[in-house]
Every structure is written in structure tokens, then in C-alpha cells.
Protein backbone atom coordinates (compact mmCIF):
# COMPACT_ATOMS: atom_id res chain seq x y z
CA UNK A 1 10.45 -6.23 -3.96
CA UNK A 2 11.11 -7.31 -0.32
CA UNK A 3 10.73 -4.75 2.69
CA UNK A 4 13.19 -4.49 5.64
CA UNK A 5 12.49 -2.62 8.76
CA UNK A 6 15.17 -0.55 10.13
CA UNK A 7 15.04 -0.50 13.92
CA UNK A 8 17.30 1.89 15.48
CA UNK A 9 18.91 1.66 18.77
CA UNK A 10 20.40 3.92 21.01
CA UNK A 11 22.03 7.25 19.50
CA UNK A 12 20.29 9.90 22.03
CA UNK A 13 19.30 13.49 21.23
CA UNK A 14 21.61 16.42 20.62
CA UNK A 15 21.83 18.83 23.41
CA UNK A 16 22.03 21.96 21.74
CA UNK A 17 20.02 23.73 18.99
CA UNK A 18 22.84 24.06 16.85
CA UNK A 19 23.68 20.25 17.56
CA UNK A 20 20.20 19.26 16.97
CA UNK A 21 20.02 21.14 13.55
CA UNK A 22 23.04 19.46 12.57
CA UNK A 23 21.64 16.06 13.31
CA UNK A 24 18.19 16.95 11.67
CA UNK A 25 20.29 17.70 8.33
CA UNK A 26 22.40 14.62 8.56
CA UNK A 27 19.18 12.50 8.52
CA UNK A 28 17.77 14.40 6.27
CA UNK A 29 20.63 13.89 3.66
CA UNK A 30 20.81 10.19 4.57
CA UNK A 31 17.16 9.97 3.96
CA UNK A 32 16.95 11.91 0.83
CA UNK A 33 19.91 10.24 -0.61
CA UNK A 34 17.98 7.39 -0.35
CA UNK A 35 14.52 8.50 -1.04
CA UNK A 36 13.66 5.81 -4.01
CA UNK A 37 13.57 3.16 -1.45
CA UNK A 38 11.54 4.11 1.29
CA UNK A 39 8.19 2.67 1.95
CA UNK A 40 7.57 4.49 5.34
CA UNK A 41 10.36 6.94 6.37
CA UNK A 42 9.17 6.09 10.34
CA UNK A 43 9.56 7.93 13.10
CA UNK A 44 11.24 8.23 16.60
CA UNK A 45 9.82 6.23 19.31
CA UNK A 46 9.54 7.39 23.15
CA UNK A 47 8.98 5.27 26.13
CA UNK A 48 8.42 1.66 25.81
CA UNK A 49 7.18 -1.56 27.78
CA UNK A 50 8.04 -4.88 27.19
CA UNK A 51 5.10 -7.46 27.27
CA UNK A 52 5.63 -11.23 28.18
CA UNK A 53 4.03 -14.12 29.67
CA UNK A 54 5.26 -12.66 33.25
CA UNK A 55 3.41 -9.22 32.85
CA UNK A 56 4.88 -5.84 31.63
CA UNK A 57 8.06 -4.34 32.30
CA UNK A 58 9.16 -0.61 31.57
CA UNK A 59 11.72 0.45 29.48
CA UNK A 60 11.93 -1.90 26.47
CA UNK A 61 14.63 -4.54 27.57
CA UNK A 62 18.29 -4.04 27.36
CA UNK A 63 18.40 -2.17 24.08
CA UNK A 64 15.18 -0.43 23.38
CA UNK A 65 14.13 0.91 20.03
CA UNK A 66 14.53 4.58 19.59
CA UNK A 67 13.16 4.60 15.85
CA UNK A 68 12.05 2.85 12.93
CA UNK A 69 11.86 2.93 9.16
CA UNK A 70 10.81 0.69 6.41
CA UNK A 71 12.43 0.21 3.04
CA UNK A 72 12.43 -1.80 -0.28
CA UNK A 73 15.41 -3.53 -1.22
CA UNK A 74 16.52 -6.55 -3.48
CA UNK A 75 18.08 -8.08 -0.72
CA UNK A 76 19.34 -8.01 3.12
CA UNK A 77 23.01 -7.38 2.15
CA UNK A 78 21.49 -4.12 -0.06
CA UNK A 79 19.30 -3.11 2.96
CA UNK A 80 22.37 -3.26 5.38
CA UNK A 81 24.62 -1.20 2.85
CA UNK A 82 21.63 1.62 3.05
CA UNK A 83 21.66 1.13 6.76
CA UNK A 84 25.35 1.68 7.25
CA UNK A 85 24.92 5.26 6.33
CA UNK A 86 22.50 6.01 8.88
CA UNK A 87 23.48 8.92 11.26
CA UNK A 88 22.53 7.01 14.21
CA UNK A 89 25.70 4.95 13.81
CA UNK A 90 28.11 7.94 13.94
CA UNK A 91 26.51 8.62 17.49
CA UNK A 92 27.00 5.23 18.86
CA UNK A 93 23.79 3.90 18.07
CA UNK A 94 22.82 0.69 15.73
CA UNK A 95 20.37 -0.10 13.08
CA UNK A 96 18.66 -3.84 13.27
CA UNK A 97 17.68 -4.87 9.69
CA UNK A 98 15.02 -7.54 9.52
CA UNK A 99 12.98 -8.78 6.38
CA UNK A 100 9.23 -8.54 6.39
CA UNK A 101 7.18 -11.33 4.82
CA UNK A 102 3.47 -10.53 3.38
CA UNK A 103 0.86 -12.66 5.28
CA UNK A 104 -1.53 -14.26 2.91
CA UNK A 105 -5.10 -13.13 3.34
CA UNK A 106 -7.10 -15.58 5.56
């Protein structure tokens, strides 16, 4: 079965403890409702840099990644249907969905 990376962008952290708890509960509910698809539930990300032929720049570009996950799904459409329920979307963020490919041993 193909694997798909969820690259989370934007969203931001809740300010109050009550908001943080509600946000974590929403993420827990979404992940729990899809528990059978997760290959790696991933994690939030911190500070980032972009590496290019011109050198390194701070900040990860125009829309830096704020977290990631890895799921198993039958198709990119199925993966997108799962991503559509991600709590980051309700906070103005996005989920980039990309299929991964197995690389044969060399």
C-alpha cells in the first residue's frame, strides 16, 4: 500500500492552557479516528532553514513546515480525504499531501 507524507503548514500554537488542551484533544480525536492508517504519527517541527546552492537561509521559505505525519492509503485522493479532517485546517493552516516511493536497494 502506498505511503503519503502529510506536511503541515501554518496553524500556530494556542495561547491559553484551555485552548492548548482543546487543540490537543482535537488532534488526538482526529489521529485516533484514523489510527489504522498511521505509519508514523510524526511530530511538530521547530525552527527551520532552507539549504540551496546559494547557501542557507533562515525560516524555511515562504510557507515553512510546522509538522509532519506519514500514512498508508490506497490513493492520493484517499489520503487527501483523511487530511481534510486535520485540525490545523480549522486554524487557517494547510496539509500538503505527497506520495512516497520505495527506492530499491542499491
